[in-house]
Amino acid sequence: MELLFVALGGALLGIAARYTVPRRSTHGVLVIPAVGALAASVVWVGLTWLGWAWDGGWIWVASLVIGGLVAAAIAWYVGVRRTAADDVFLASAVKNGVPARA
């Protein structure tokens, strides 16, 4: 049950990251919240395997902080990479014309 709450908290932090990190128009609506939920859940499971108590406060702090940081980092990274790829495509399209899609 706690894992469900951790995933929900990670998704909420992912939503916050989506709307605070610039270039949110370069990725889908659910990508960053899903990354936040996944990262927080993986950290939670890893820490429980390491013996951290599920009812302790530090496992919650670690899972949610790391999940939020991973979501923000991925949002930034995807935005930068997508903007660069779009610029390369635009330069190619201007120079050579838009390629035909199959």
N, C-alpha and C. Protein backbone atom coordinates (compact mmCIF):
# COMPACT_ATOMS: atom_id res chain seq x y z
N MET A 1 0.82 -1.19 0.00
CA MET A 1 0.00 0.00 0.00
C MET A 1 0.86 1.25 0.00
N GLU A 2 1.97 1.19 0.74
CA GLU A 2 2.84 2.35 0.80
C GLU A 2 3.47 2.63 -0.56
N LEU A 3 3.75 1.57 -1.31
CA LEU A 3 4.33 1.75 -2.65
C LEU A 3 3.38 2.53 -3.55
N LEU A 4 2.09 2.30 -3.39
CA LEU A 4 1.10 3.06 -4.16
C LEU A 4 1.17 4.54 -3.81
N PHE A 5 1.30 4.85 -2.53
CA PHE A 5 1.40 6.25 -2.11
C PHE A 5 2.69 6.89 -2.59
N VAL A 6 3.77 6.12 -2.60
CA VAL A 6 5.04 6.64 -3.10
C VAL A 6 4.94 6.93 -4.59
N ALA A 7 4.32 6.03 -5.34
CA ALA A 7 4.14 6.25 -6.78
C ALA A 7 3.27 7.47 -7.04
N LEU A 8 2.22 7.64 -6.26
CA LEU A 8 1.37 8.82 -6.40
C LEU A 8 2.13 10.09 -6.07
N GLY A 9 2.92 10.06 -5.00
CA GLY A 9 3.74 11.22 -4.66
C GLY A 9 4.76 11.54 -5.73
N GLY A 10 5.39 10.51 -6.30
CA GLY A 10 6.33 10.74 -7.39
C GLY A 10 5.65 11.32 -8.62
N ALA A 11 4.44 10.86 -8.91
CA ALA A 11 3.69 11.41 -10.05
C ALA A 11 3.33 12.87 -9.80
N LEU A 12 2.94 13.20 -8.58
CA LEU A 12 2.62 14.60 -8.27
C LEU A 12 3.87 15.49 -8.37
N LEU A 13 5.00 14.98 -7.93
CA LEU A 13 6.24 15.74 -8.08
C LEU A 13 6.63 15.85 -9.55
N GLY A 14 6.32 14.82 -10.33
CA GLY A 14 6.56 14.88 -11.77
C GLY A 14 5.68 15.93 -12.45
N ILE A 15 4.44 16.05 -11.99
CA ILE A 15 3.56 17.10 -12.52
C ILE A 15 4.13 18.47 -12.18
N ALA A 16 4.61 18.62 -10.94
CA ALA A 16 5.23 19.89 -10.56
C ALA A 16 6.46 20.18 -11.39
N ALA A 17 7.26 19.15 -11.66
CA ALA A 17 8.46 19.34 -12.48
C ALA A 17 8.08 19.72 -13.91
N ARG A 18 7.02 19.11 -14.43
CA ARG A 18 6.59 19.43 -15.79
C ARG A 18 6.24 20.90 -15.95
N TYR A 19 5.61 21.47 -14.95
CA TYR A 19 5.17 22.85 -15.07
C TYR A 19 6.16 23.87 -14.53
N THR A 20 7.27 23.43 -13.95
CA THR A 20 8.27 24.39 -13.48
C THR A 20 9.52 24.41 -14.35
N VAL A 21 9.82 23.31 -15.01
CA VAL A 21 11.00 23.24 -15.88
C VAL A 21 10.61 23.78 -17.25
N PRO A 22 11.45 24.65 -17.85
CA PRO A 22 11.10 25.20 -19.15
C PRO A 22 11.07 24.16 -20.26
N ARG A 23 10.52 24.53 -21.40
CA ARG A 23 10.40 23.70 -22.61
C ARG A 23 9.42 22.54 -22.43
N ARG A 24 8.34 22.77 -21.71
CA ARG A 24 7.39 21.67 -21.50
C ARG A 24 6.62 21.33 -22.75
N SER A 25 6.69 22.17 -23.78
CA SER A 25 6.00 21.86 -25.02
C SER A 25 6.74 20.82 -25.86
N THR A 26 7.91 20.41 -25.41
CA THR A 26 8.71 19.47 -26.20
C THR A 26 8.48 18.01 -25.81
N HIS A 27 7.65 17.74 -24.83
CA HIS A 27 7.37 16.36 -24.46
C HIS A 27 5.91 16.21 -24.08
N GLY A 28 5.48 14.99 -24.00
CA GLY A 28 4.07 14.69 -23.73
C GLY A 28 3.65 15.03 -22.32
N VAL A 29 2.36 15.07 -22.11
CA VAL A 29 1.79 15.47 -20.84
C VAL A 29 2.10 14.46 -19.73
N LEU A 30 2.11 13.18 -20.06
CA LEU A 30 2.27 12.14 -19.04
C LEU A 30 3.70 11.62 -18.90
N VAL A 31 4.62 12.08 -19.72
CA VAL A 31 5.98 11.54 -19.69
C VAL A 31 6.67 11.84 -18.37
N ILE A 32 6.71 13.07 -17.98
CA ILE A 32 7.46 13.46 -16.78
C ILE A 32 6.78 12.96 -15.50
N PRO A 33 5.45 13.04 -15.36
CA PRO A 33 4.83 12.41 -14.17
C PRO A 33 5.08 10.90 -14.09
N ALA A 34 5.10 10.21 -15.23
CA ALA A 34 5.40 8.78 -15.22
C ALA A 34 6.83 8.52 -14.79
N VAL A 35 7.75 9.36 -15.23
CA VAL A 35 9.15 9.23 -14.81
C VAL A 35 9.27 9.45 -13.31
N GLY A 36 8.57 10.45 -12.78
CA GLY A 36 8.61 10.70 -11.34
C GLY A 36 8.07 9.54 -10.54
N ALA A 37 6.95 8.98 -10.99
CA ALA A 37 6.37 7.82 -10.29
C ALA A 37 7.30 6.62 -10.35
N LEU A 38 7.88 6.37 -11.51
CA LEU A 38 8.78 5.23 -11.67
C LEU A 38 10.03 5.39 -10.82
N ALA A 39 10.62 6.58 -10.85
CA ALA A 39 11.86 6.80 -10.08
C ALA A 39 11.61 6.68 -8.58
N ALA A 40 10.54 7.27 -8.09
CA ALA A 40 10.24 7.18 -6.66
C ALA A 40 9.96 5.73 -6.25
N SER A 41 9.26 4.99 -7.10
CA SER A 41 8.96 3.59 -6.79
C SER A 41 10.22 2.73 -6.78
N VAL A 42 11.09 2.94 -7.73
CA VAL A 42 12.33 2.17 -7.80
C VAL A 42 13.21 2.46 -6.59
N VAL A 43 13.30 3.72 -6.21
CA VAL A 43 14.08 4.08 -5.02
C VAL A 43 13.47 3.45 -3.78
N TRP A 44 12.16 3.51 -3.65
CA TRP A 44 11.47 2.91 -2.50
C TRP A 44 11.77 1.41 -2.38
N VAL A 45 11.61 0.70 -3.49
CA VAL A 45 11.85 -0.74 -3.48
C VAL A 45 13.31 -1.04 -3.17
N GLY A 46 14.21 -0.28 -3.77
CA GLY A 46 15.63 -0.48 -3.49
C GLY A 46 15.98 -0.26 -2.03
N LEU A 47 15.40 0.77 -1.45
CA LEU A 47 15.69 1.05 -0.04
C LEU A 47 15.07 0.02 0.89
N THR A 48 13.91 -0.50 0.53
CA THR A 48 13.33 -1.56 1.37
C THR A 48 14.17 -2.83 1.27
N TRP A 49 14.72 -3.11 0.11
CA TRP A 49 15.61 -4.27 -0.03
C TRP A 49 16.89 -4.08 0.78
N LEU A 50 17.30 -2.83 0.94
CA LEU A 50 18.49 -2.55 1.74
C LEU A 50 18.20 -2.57 3.24
N GLY A 51 16.94 -2.75 3.60
CA GLY A 51 16.59 -2.90 5.00
C GLY A 51 16.01 -1.67 5.66
N TRP A 52 15.75 -0.61 4.90
CA TRP A 52 15.13 0.57 5.49
C TRP A 52 13.69 0.23 5.87
N ALA A 53 13.27 0.70 7.02
CA ALA A 53 11.91 0.43 7.50
C ALA A 53 10.90 1.24 6.67
N TRP A 54 9.83 0.58 6.25
CA TRP A 54 8.83 1.26 5.43
C TRP A 54 8.04 2.29 6.21
N ASP A 55 8.03 2.18 7.54
CA ASP A 55 7.30 3.15 8.34
C ASP A 55 8.21 4.26 8.88
N GLY A 56 9.45 4.27 8.45
CA GLY A 56 10.37 5.33 8.86
C GLY A 56 10.21 6.56 7.99
N GLY A 57 10.61 7.68 8.48
CA GLY A 57 10.45 8.92 7.72
C GLY A 57 11.48 9.12 6.63
N TRP A 58 12.68 8.59 6.83
CA TRP A 58 13.75 8.86 5.86
C TRP A 58 13.54 8.15 4.54
N ILE A 59 12.90 7.01 4.55
CA ILE A 59 12.64 6.31 3.29
C ILE A 59 11.67 7.12 2.43
N TRP A 60 10.71 7.77 3.08
CA TRP A 60 9.77 8.63 2.36
C TRP A 60 10.49 9.85 1.78
N VAL A 61 11.31 10.48 2.61
CA VAL A 61 12.04 11.67 2.15
C VAL A 61 12.95 11.31 0.99
N ALA A 62 13.74 10.25 1.14
CA ALA A 62 14.68 9.87 0.10
C ALA A 62 13.95 9.51 -1.20
N SER A 63 12.90 8.73 -1.10
CA SER A 63 12.18 8.30 -2.30
C SER A 63 11.55 9.47 -3.04
N LEU A 64 10.90 10.34 -2.30
CA LEU A 64 10.21 11.45 -2.96
C LEU A 64 11.17 12.52 -3.47
N VAL A 65 12.22 12.80 -2.72
CA VAL A 65 13.19 13.81 -3.18
C VAL A 65 13.91 13.31 -4.42
N ILE A 66 14.38 12.07 -4.39
CA ILE A 66 15.08 11.53 -5.56
C ILE A 66 14.13 11.42 -6.75
N GLY A 67 12.90 10.99 -6.52
CA GLY A 67 11.91 10.91 -7.60
C GLY A 67 11.65 12.27 -8.23
N GLY A 68 11.51 13.30 -7.40
CA GLY A 68 11.29 14.64 -7.93
C GLY A 68 12.49 15.18 -8.68
N LEU A 69 13.68 14.92 -8.16
CA LEU A 69 14.90 15.38 -8.84
C LEU A 69 15.11 14.67 -10.17
N VAL A 70 14.83 13.38 -10.21
CA VAL A 70 14.97 12.64 -11.47
C VAL A 70 13.95 13.16 -12.49
N ALA A 71 12.73 13.41 -12.06
CA ALA A 71 11.71 13.93 -12.97
C ALA A 71 12.11 15.29 -13.52
N ALA A 72 12.63 16.17 -12.67
CA ALA A 72 13.06 17.49 -13.13
C ALA A 72 14.25 17.38 -14.08
N ALA A 73 15.19 16.49 -13.78
CA ALA A 73 16.36 16.32 -14.64
C ALA A 73 15.96 15.77 -16.01
N ILE A 74 15.06 14.80 -16.03
CA ILE A 74 14.60 14.23 -17.30
C ILE A 74 13.81 15.27 -18.10
N ALA A 75 12.99 16.07 -17.43
CA ALA A 75 12.25 17.12 -18.12
C ALA A 75 13.20 18.11 -18.78
N TRP A 76 14.24 18.49 -18.06
CA TRP A 76 15.22 19.42 -18.63
C TRP A 76 15.96 18.77 -19.80
N TYR A 77 16.42 17.52 -19.61
CA TYR A 77 17.19 16.83 -20.63
C TYR A 77 16.38 16.62 -21.91
N VAL A 78 15.15 16.15 -21.76
CA VAL A 78 14.31 15.92 -22.93
C VAL A 78 14.04 17.24 -23.65
N GLY A 79 13.82 18.31 -22.90
CA GLY A 79 13.58 19.61 -23.53
C GLY A 79 14.77 20.10 -24.33
N VAL A 80 15.95 19.97 -23.76
CA VAL A 80 17.16 20.42 -24.46
C VAL A 80 17.42 19.57 -25.69
N ARG A 81 17.32 18.24 -25.57
CA ARG A 81 17.58 17.35 -26.70
C ARG A 81 16.54 17.54 -27.81
N ARG A 82 15.30 17.70 -27.45
CA ARG A 82 14.25 17.86 -28.46
C ARG A 82 14.40 19.19 -29.19
N THR A 83 14.74 20.25 -28.47
CA THR A 83 14.94 21.55 -29.11
C THR A 83 16.11 21.48 -30.08
N ALA A 84 17.20 20.82 -29.68
CA ALA A 84 18.36 20.68 -30.57
C ALA A 84 18.00 19.86 -31.81
N ALA A 85 17.27 18.77 -31.62
CA ALA A 85 16.87 17.93 -32.76
C ALA A 85 15.93 18.69 -33.70
N ASP A 86 15.04 19.48 -33.15
CA ASP A 86 14.14 20.27 -33.98
C ASP A 86 14.90 21.32 -34.78
N ASP A 87 15.92 21.92 -34.17
CA ASP A 87 16.74 22.91 -34.88
C ASP A 87 17.51 22.27 -36.04
N VAL A 88 18.05 21.08 -35.80
CA VAL A 88 18.76 20.37 -36.87
C VAL A 88 17.79 20.00 -38.00
N PHE A 89 16.62 19.52 -37.65
CA PHE A 89 15.63 19.17 -38.67
C PHE A 89 15.19 20.40 -39.45
N LEU A 90 14.98 21.52 -38.78
CA LEU A 90 14.56 22.74 -39.47
C LEU A 90 15.65 23.22 -40.43
N ALA A 91 16.91 23.19 -40.00
CA ALA A 91 18.00 23.59 -40.88
C ALA A 91 18.08 22.68 -42.09
N SER A 92 17.91 21.39 -41.90
CA SER A 92 17.92 20.44 -43.01
C SER A 92 16.75 20.66 -43.94
N ALA A 93 15.58 20.93 -43.38
CA ALA A 93 14.39 21.14 -44.20
C ALA A 93 14.50 22.42 -45.01
N VAL A 94 15.09 23.45 -44.44
CA VAL A 94 15.25 24.72 -45.16
C VAL A 94 16.26 24.54 -46.29
N LYS A 95 17.33 23.80 -46.03
CA LYS A 95 18.38 23.61 -47.02
C LYS A 95 17.97 22.65 -48.13
N ASN A 96 17.38 21.50 -47.75
CA ASN A 96 17.11 20.44 -48.71
C ASN A 96 15.64 20.24 -49.05
N GLY A 97 14.78 20.91 -48.37
CA GLY A 97 13.36 20.67 -48.55
C GLY A 97 12.90 19.61 -47.55
N VAL A 98 11.63 19.57 -47.29
CA VAL A 98 11.09 18.62 -46.33
C VAL A 98 11.05 17.24 -46.97
N PRO A 99 11.61 16.22 -46.29
CA PRO A 99 11.59 14.87 -46.88
C PRO A 99 10.18 14.30 -46.87
N ALA A 100 9.92 13.48 -47.88
CA ALA A 100 8.61 12.83 -47.98
C ALA A 100 8.50 11.75 -46.92
N ARG A 101 7.34 11.65 -46.32
CA ARG A 101 7.11 10.62 -45.30
C ARG A 101 6.52 9.39 -45.97
N ALA A 102 6.92 8.24 -45.50
CA ALA A 102 6.43 6.99 -46.11
C ALA A 102 5.07 6.63 -45.58
